[in-house]
Every structure is written in structure tokens, then in C-alpha cells.
PDB file of N, CA and C in Angstrom:
ATOM      1  N   MET A   1      -7.995  -0.153  -2.306  1.00  0.00           N
ATOM      2  CA  MET A   1      -8.264  -1.465  -1.770  1.00  0.00           C
ATOM      3  C   MET A   1      -7.527  -2.497  -2.612  1.00  0.00           C
ATOM      4  N   LEU A   2      -6.899  -3.420  -1.931  1.00  0.00           N
ATOM      5  CA  LEU A   2      -6.207  -4.532  -2.573  1.00  0.00           C
ATOM      6  C   LEU A   2      -7.106  -5.760  -2.471  1.00  0.00           C
ATOM      7  N   THR A   3      -7.378  -6.414  -3.588  1.00  0.00           N
ATOM      8  CA  THR A   3      -8.199  -7.615  -3.596  1.00  0.00           C
ATOM      9  C   THR A   3      -7.335  -8.802  -3.975  1.00  0.00           C
ATOM     10  N   LEU A   4      -7.348  -9.844  -3.144  1.00  0.00           N
ATOM     11  CA  LEU A   4      -6.544 -11.034  -3.368  1.00  0.00           C
ATOM     12  C   LEU A   4      -7.436 -12.267  -3.462  1.00  0.00           C
ATOM     13  N   THR A   5      -6.971 -13.241  -4.212  1.00  0.00           N
ATOM     14  CA  THR A   5      -7.649 -14.527  -4.291  1.00  0.00           C
ATOM     15  C   THR A   5      -6.763 -15.558  -3.622  1.00  0.00           C
ATOM     16  N   ARG A   6      -7.316 -16.297  -2.683  1.00  0.00           N
ATOM     17  CA  ARG A   6      -6.585 -17.343  -1.981  1.00  0.00           C
ATOM     18  C   ARG A   6      -7.476 -18.566  -1.840  1.00  0.00           C
ATOM     19  N   ASN A   7      -6.852 -19.727  -1.720  1.00  0.00           N
ATOM     20  CA  ASN A   7      -7.575 -20.976  -1.508  1.00  0.00           C
ATOM     21  C   ASN A   7      -7.499 -21.370  -0.039  1.00  0.00           C
ATOM     22  N   ILE A   8      -8.330 -22.307   0.350  1.00  0.00           N
ATOM     23  CA  ILE A   8      -8.313 -22.810   1.716  1.00  0.00           C
ATOM     24  C   ILE A   8      -6.910 -23.309   2.045  1.00  0.00           C
ATOM     25  N   GLY A   9      -6.420 -22.943   3.232  1.00  0.00           N
ATOM     26  CA  GLY A   9      -5.094 -23.348   3.669  1.00  0.00           C
ATOM     27  C   GLY A   9      -3.996 -22.368   3.305  1.00  0.00           C
ATOM     28  N   GLU A  10      -4.272 -21.406   2.463  1.00  0.00           N
ATOM     29  CA  GLU A  10      -3.260 -20.424   2.082  1.00  0.00           C
ATOM     30  C   GLU A  10      -3.237 -19.265   3.080  1.00  0.00           C
ATOM     31  N   THR A  11      -2.126 -18.547   3.097  1.00  0.00           N
ATOM     32  CA  THR A  11      -1.893 -17.492   4.080  1.00  0.00           C
ATOM     33  C   THR A  11      -1.501 -16.200   3.395  1.00  0.00           C
ATOM     34  N   ILE A  12      -1.922 -15.094   3.997  1.00  0.00           N
ATOM     35  CA  ILE A  12      -1.524 -13.756   3.574  1.00  0.00           C
ATOM     36  C   ILE A  12      -0.785 -13.141   4.754  1.00  0.00           C
ATOM     37  N   ARG A  13       0.377 -12.546   4.508  1.00  0.00           N
ATOM     38  CA  ARG A  13       1.138 -11.874   5.574  1.00  0.00           C
ATOM     39  C   ARG A  13       0.946 -10.368   5.457  1.00  0.00           C
ATOM     40  N   ILE A  14       0.754  -9.748   6.616  1.00  0.00           N
ATOM     41  CA  ILE A  14       0.674  -8.292   6.688  1.00  0.00           C
ATOM     42  C   ILE A  14       1.867  -7.856   7.527  1.00  0.00           C
ATOM     43  N   GLY A  15       2.829  -7.246   6.887  1.00  0.00           N
ATOM     44  CA  GLY A  15       4.053  -6.885   7.583  1.00  0.00           C
ATOM     45  C   GLY A  15       4.792  -8.137   8.027  1.00  0.00           C
ATOM     46  N   ASP A  16       5.560  -8.013   9.099  1.00  0.00           N
ATOM     47  CA  ASP A  16       6.327  -9.148   9.611  1.00  0.00           C
ATOM     48  C   ASP A  16       5.576  -9.920  10.678  1.00  0.00           C
ATOM     49  N   ASP A  17       4.507  -9.335  11.227  1.00  0.00           N
ATOM     50  CA  ASP A  17       3.903  -9.886  12.426  1.00  0.00           C
ATOM     51  C   ASP A  17       2.531 -10.530  12.267  1.00  0.00           C
ATOM     52  N   ILE A  18       1.759 -10.152  11.275  1.00  0.00           N
ATOM     53  CA  ILE A  18       0.371 -10.595  11.195  1.00  0.00           C
ATOM     54  C   ILE A  18       0.184 -11.547  10.013  1.00  0.00           C
ATOM     55  N   GLU A  19      -0.479 -12.680  10.289  1.00  0.00           N
ATOM     56  CA  GLU A  19      -0.813 -13.659   9.256  1.00  0.00           C
ATOM     57  C   GLU A  19      -2.322 -13.833   9.205  1.00  0.00           C
ATOM     58  N   VAL A  20      -2.865 -13.892   7.990  1.00  0.00           N
ATOM     59  CA  VAL A  20      -4.286 -14.153   7.788  1.00  0.00           C
ATOM     60  C   VAL A  20      -4.386 -15.488   7.065  1.00  0.00           C
ATOM     61  N   HIS A  21      -5.103 -16.437   7.659  1.00  0.00           N
ATOM     62  CA  HIS A  21      -5.244 -17.776   7.098  1.00  0.00           C
ATOM     63  C   HIS A  21      -6.669 -17.979   6.596  1.00  0.00           C
ATOM     64  N   VAL A  22      -6.814 -18.528   5.389  1.00  0.00           N
ATOM     65  CA  VAL A  22      -8.125 -18.895   4.868  1.00  0.00           C
ATOM     66  C   VAL A  22      -8.439 -20.274   5.440  1.00  0.00           C
ATOM     67  N   VAL A  23      -9.409 -20.328   6.340  1.00  0.00           N
ATOM     68  CA  VAL A  23      -9.723 -21.548   7.070  1.00  0.00           C
ATOM     69  C   VAL A  23     -10.819 -22.349   6.372  1.00  0.00           C
ATOM     70  N   GLU A  24     -11.859 -21.662   5.903  1.00  0.00           N
ATOM     71  CA  GLU A  24     -13.012 -22.369   5.339  1.00  0.00           C
ATOM     72  C   GLU A  24     -13.775 -21.448   4.402  1.00  0.00           C
ATOM     73  N   VAL A  25     -14.337 -22.019   3.351  1.00  0.00           N
ATOM     74  CA  VAL A  25     -15.240 -21.304   2.456  1.00  0.00           C
ATOM     75  C   VAL A  25     -16.499 -22.149   2.348  1.00  0.00           C
ATOM     76  N   ARG A  26     -17.629 -21.546   2.716  1.00  0.00           N
ATOM     77  CA  ARG A  26     -18.901 -22.269   2.692  1.00  0.00           C
ATOM     78  C   ARG A  26     -19.945 -21.352   2.059  1.00  0.00           C
ATOM     79  N   GLY A  27     -20.281 -21.596   0.802  1.00  0.00           N
ATOM     80  CA  GLY A  27     -21.234 -20.725   0.108  1.00  0.00           C
ATOM     81  C   GLY A  27     -20.656 -19.328  -0.045  1.00  0.00           C
ATOM     82  N   ASN A  28     -21.374 -18.337   0.483  1.00  0.00           N
ATOM     83  CA  ASN A  28     -20.921 -16.948   0.411  1.00  0.00           C
ATOM     84  C   ASN A  28     -20.162 -16.512   1.660  1.00  0.00           C
ATOM     85  N   THR A  29     -19.817 -17.460   2.518  1.00  0.00           N
ATOM     86  CA  THR A  29     -19.134 -17.142   3.768  1.00  0.00           C
ATOM     87  C   THR A  29     -17.696 -17.629   3.736  1.00  0.00           C
ATOM     88  N   VAL A  30     -16.777 -16.759   4.126  1.00  0.00           N
ATOM     89  CA  VAL A  30     -15.361 -17.108   4.201  1.00  0.00           C
ATOM     90  C   VAL A  30     -14.940 -17.005   5.660  1.00  0.00           C
ATOM     91  N   ARG A  31     -14.298 -18.039   6.153  1.00  0.00           N
ATOM     92  CA  ARG A  31     -13.822 -18.050   7.542  1.00  0.00           C
ATOM     93  C   ARG A  31     -12.317 -17.812   7.531  1.00  0.00           C
ATOM     94  N   LEU A  32     -11.883 -16.795   8.279  1.00  0.00           N
ATOM     95  CA  LEU A  32     -10.471 -16.417   8.330  1.00  0.00           C
ATOM     96  C   LEU A  32      -9.930 -16.622   9.739  1.00  0.00           C
ATOM     97  N   GLY A  33      -8.647 -16.973   9.820  1.00  0.00           N
ATOM     98  CA  GLY A  33      -7.949 -17.062  11.093  1.00  0.00           C
ATOM     99  C   GLY A  33      -6.813 -16.061  11.086  1.00  0.00           C
ATOM    100  N   PHE A  34      -6.585 -15.413  12.225  1.00  0.00           N
ATOM    101  CA  PHE A  34      -5.552 -14.390  12.333  1.00  0.00           C
ATOM    102  C   PHE A  34      -4.531 -14.793  13.386  1.00  0.00           C
ATOM    103  N   LYS A  35      -3.238 -14.608  13.067  1.00  0.00           N
ATOM    104  CA  LYS A  35      -2.156 -14.797  14.034  1.00  0.00           C
ATOM    105  C   LYS A  35      -1.412 -13.480  14.136  1.00  0.00           C
ATOM    106  N   ALA A  36      -1.271 -13.002  15.371  1.00  0.00           N
ATOM    107  CA  ALA A  36      -0.568 -11.740  15.602  1.00  0.00           C
ATOM    108  C   ALA A  36       0.062 -11.797  16.984  1.00  0.00           C
ATOM    109  N   PRO A  37       1.122 -11.028  17.208  1.00  0.00           N
ATOM    110  CA  PRO A  37       1.751 -11.012  18.527  1.00  0.00           C
ATOM    111  C   PRO A  37       0.799 -10.427  19.573  1.00  0.00           C
ATOM    112  N   ALA A  38       1.088 -10.716  20.833  1.00  0.00           N
ATOM    113  CA  ALA A  38       0.230 -10.269  21.934  1.00  0.00           C
ATOM    114  C   ALA A  38       0.092  -8.752  21.988  1.00  0.00           C
ATOM    115  N   ARG A  39       1.098  -8.025  21.486  1.00  0.00           N
ATOM    116  CA  ARG A  39       1.029  -6.565  21.536  1.00  0.00           C
ATOM    117  C   ARG A  39       0.023  -5.988  20.542  1.00  0.00           C
ATOM    118  N   CYS A  40      -0.513  -6.822  19.648  1.00  0.00           N
ATOM    119  CA  CYS A  40      -1.507  -6.369  18.670  1.00  0.00           C
ATOM    120  C   CYS A  40      -2.902  -6.708  19.166  1.00  0.00           C
ATOM    121  N   ARG A  41      -3.773  -5.748  19.114  1.00  0.00           N
ATOM    122  CA  ARG A  41      -5.167  -5.941  19.496  1.00  0.00           C
ATOM    123  C   ARG A  41      -6.032  -5.665  18.277  1.00  0.00           C
ATOM    124  N   SER A  42      -7.095  -6.417  18.119  1.00  0.00           N
ATOM    125  CA  SER A  42      -7.969  -6.199  16.966  1.00  0.00           C
ATOM    126  C   SER A  42      -9.379  -5.883  17.422  1.00  0.00           C
ATOM    127  N   THR A  43     -10.071  -5.128  16.605  1.00  0.00           N
ATOM    128  CA  THR A  43     -11.475  -4.847  16.796  1.00  0.00           C
ATOM    129  C   THR A  43     -12.148  -5.230  15.485  1.00  0.00           C
ATOM    130  N   ALA A  44     -12.878  -6.330  15.486  1.00  0.00           N
ATOM    131  CA  ALA A  44     -13.543  -6.776  14.263  1.00  0.00           C
ATOM    132  C   ALA A  44     -14.941  -6.183  14.216  1.00  0.00           C
ATOM    133  N   ARG A  45     -15.294  -5.662  13.073  1.00  0.00           N
ATOM    134  CA  ARG A  45     -16.622  -5.088  12.879  1.00  0.00           C
ATOM    135  C   ARG A  45     -17.230  -5.693  11.625  1.00  0.00           C
ATOM    136  N   ARG A  46     -18.502  -5.968  11.668  1.00  0.00           N
ATOM    137  CA  ARG A  46     -19.179  -6.467  10.466  1.00  0.00           C
ATOM    138  C   ARG A  46     -19.339  -5.332   9.475  1.00  0.00           C
ATOM    139  N   SER A  47     -19.164  -5.665   8.222  1.00  0.00           N
ATOM    140  CA  SER A  47     -19.302  -4.674   7.174  1.00  0.00           C
ATOM    141  C   SER A  47     -20.624  -4.907   6.450  1.00  0.00           C
ATOM    142  N   THR A  48     -21.423  -3.870   6.328  1.00  0.00           N
ATOM    143  CA  THR A  48     -22.675  -3.957   5.585  1.00  0.00           C
ATOM    144  C   THR A  48     -22.625  -2.948   4.452  1.00  0.00           C
ATOM    145  N   SER A  49     -23.528  -3.087   3.507  1.00  0.00           N
ATOM    146  CA  SER A  49     -23.527  -2.177   2.362  1.00  0.00           C
ATOM    147  C   SER A  49     -23.843  -0.743   2.798  1.00  0.00           C
ATOM    148  N   ARG A  50     -24.576  -0.568   3.902  1.00  0.00           N
ATOM    149  CA  ARG A  50     -24.922   0.776   4.365  1.00  0.00           C
ATOM    150  C   ARG A  50     -23.823   1.405   5.216  1.00  0.00           C
ATOM    151  N   SER A  51     -23.075   0.584   5.930  1.00  0.00           N
ATOM    152  CA  SER A  51     -22.091   1.131   6.862  1.00  0.00           C
ATOM    153  C   SER A  51     -20.821   0.291   6.865  1.00  0.00           C
ATOM    154  N   PRO A  52     -19.982   0.412   5.840  1.00  0.00           N
ATOM    155  CA  PRO A  52     -18.756  -0.400   5.818  1.00  0.00           C
ATOM    156  C   PRO A  52     -17.753   0.077   6.862  1.00  0.00           C
ATOM    157  N   ARG A  53     -17.402  -0.802   7.788  1.00  0.00           N
ATOM    158  CA  ARG A  53     -16.378  -0.498   8.788  1.00  0.00           C
ATOM    159  C   ARG A  53     -15.459  -1.702   8.889  1.00  0.00           C
ATOM    160  N   PRO A  54     -14.226  -1.566   8.449  1.00  0.00           N
ATOM    161  CA  PRO A  54     -13.307  -2.707   8.440  1.00  0.00           C
ATOM    162  C   PRO A  54     -12.804  -3.061   9.833  1.00  0.00           C
ATOM    163  N   ALA A  55     -12.190  -4.236   9.928  1.00  0.00           N
ATOM    164  CA  ALA A  55     -11.517  -4.613  11.170  1.00  0.00           C
ATOM    165  C   ALA A  55     -10.345  -3.670  11.378  1.00  0.00           C
ATOM    166  N   VAL A  56     -10.041  -3.375  12.619  1.00  0.00           N
ATOM    167  CA  VAL A  56      -8.972  -2.442  12.942  1.00  0.00           C
ATOM    168  C   VAL A  56      -7.931  -3.162  13.787  1.00  0.00           C
ATOM    169  N   TRP A  57      -6.661  -3.067  13.384  1.00  0.00           N
ATOM    170  CA  TRP A  57      -5.552  -3.651  14.146  1.00  0.00           C
ATOM    171  C   TRP A  57      -4.739  -2.523  14.737  1.00  0.00           C
ATOM    172  N   ARG A  58      -4.437  -2.641  16.022  1.00  0.00           N
ATOM    173  CA  ARG A  58      -3.561  -1.670  16.679  1.00  0.00           C
ATOM    174  C   ARG A  58      -2.410  -2.433  17.310  1.00  0.00           C
ATOM    175  N   CYS A  59      -1.199  -2.107  16.905  1.00  0.00           N
ATOM    176  CA  CYS A  59      -0.015  -2.773  17.451  1.00  0.00           C
ATOM    177  C   CYS A  59       0.856  -1.743  18.161  1.00  0.00           C
ATOM    178  N   ALA A  60       1.210  -2.067  19.400  1.00  0.00           N
ATOM    179  CA  ALA A  60       2.092  -1.175  20.159  1.00  0.00           C
ATOM    180  C   ALA A  60       3.490  -1.240  19.567  1.00  0.00           C
ATOM    181  N   TRP A  61       4.127  -0.085  19.425  1.00  0.00           N
ATOM    182  CA  TRP A  61       5.493  -0.065  18.922  1.00  0.00           C
ATOM    183  C   TRP A  61       6.276   0.980  19.667  1.00  0.00           C
ATOM    184  N   PRO A  62       7.432   0.732  20.130  1.00  0.00           N
ATOM    185  CA  PRO A  62       8.134  -0.550  20.038  1.00  0.00           C
ATOM    186  C   PRO A  62       7.504  -1.564  20.983  1.00  0.00           C
ATOM    187  N   PRO A  63       7.745  -2.854  20.729  1.00  0.00           N
ATOM    188  CA  PRO A  63       7.172  -3.892  21.583  1.00  0.00           C
ATOM    189  C   PRO A  63       7.631  -3.712  23.032  1.00  0.00           C
ATOM    190  N   THR A  64       6.710  -3.966  23.950  1.00  0.00           N
ATOM    191  CA  THR A  64       7.083  -3.911  25.360  1.00  0.00           C
ATOM    192  C   THR A  64       7.725  -5.227  25.752  1.00  0.00           C
ATOM    193  N   ARG A  65       8.394  -5.261  26.888  1.00  0.00           N
ATOM    194  CA  ARG A  65       9.064  -6.503  27.318  1.00  0.00           C
ATOM    195  C   ARG A  65       8.081  -7.655  27.440  1.00  0.00           C
ATOM    196  N   SER A  66       6.867  -7.412  27.950  1.00  0.00           N
ATOM    197  CA  SER A  66       5.910  -8.500  28.145  1.00  0.00           C
ATOM    198  C   SER A  66       5.363  -9.024  26.830  1.00  0.00           C
ATOM    199  N   ALA A  67       5.445  -8.243  25.743  1.00  0.00           N
ATOM    200  CA  ALA A  67       4.896  -8.650  24.455  1.00  0.00           C
ATOM    201  C   ALA A  67       5.896  -9.416  23.605  1.00  0.00           C
ATOM    202  N   ARG A  68       7.146  -9.477  24.001  1.00  0.00           N
ATOM    203  CA  ARG A  68       8.160 -10.152  23.190  1.00  0.00           C
ATOM    204  C   ARG A  68       8.091 -11.634  23.320  1.00  0.00           C
TER     205      ARG A  68
END
């Protein structure tokens, strides 16, 4: 696991296509914004101490004509 520290307004890039933006920090809650091409679909899951399940990104490759 990679752990990063970012401030509000900063961005993390995953590959060439996905950006994660730190939108808000309020107490123990962090609000994130994601930008990804249309060919990428995400499934966000809440993570708990009993059942950690991360968000999953699936990107079609190669990109289809409609996703460009």
C-alpha cells in the first residue's frame, strides 16, 4: 500500500488517464473527486475494519471509438 499526504486542491495522477482530487477535509472525513475517461468505470465500496474492500477501476483497453 502506498500512503500519500495531500492538501485540499492538490491532485494525484494514476497513470495517464485518472486524476484524484482532494476536494474537502472535514474532521475525520476526506472528500475526493475523480476524473477519468468515459471508458473507465468505477465501483466504490466503503471500507470497514471488518471487511476492507477498496474502490475498483476497470478501464477498457484499447479505447473504443466512442470512448475517445
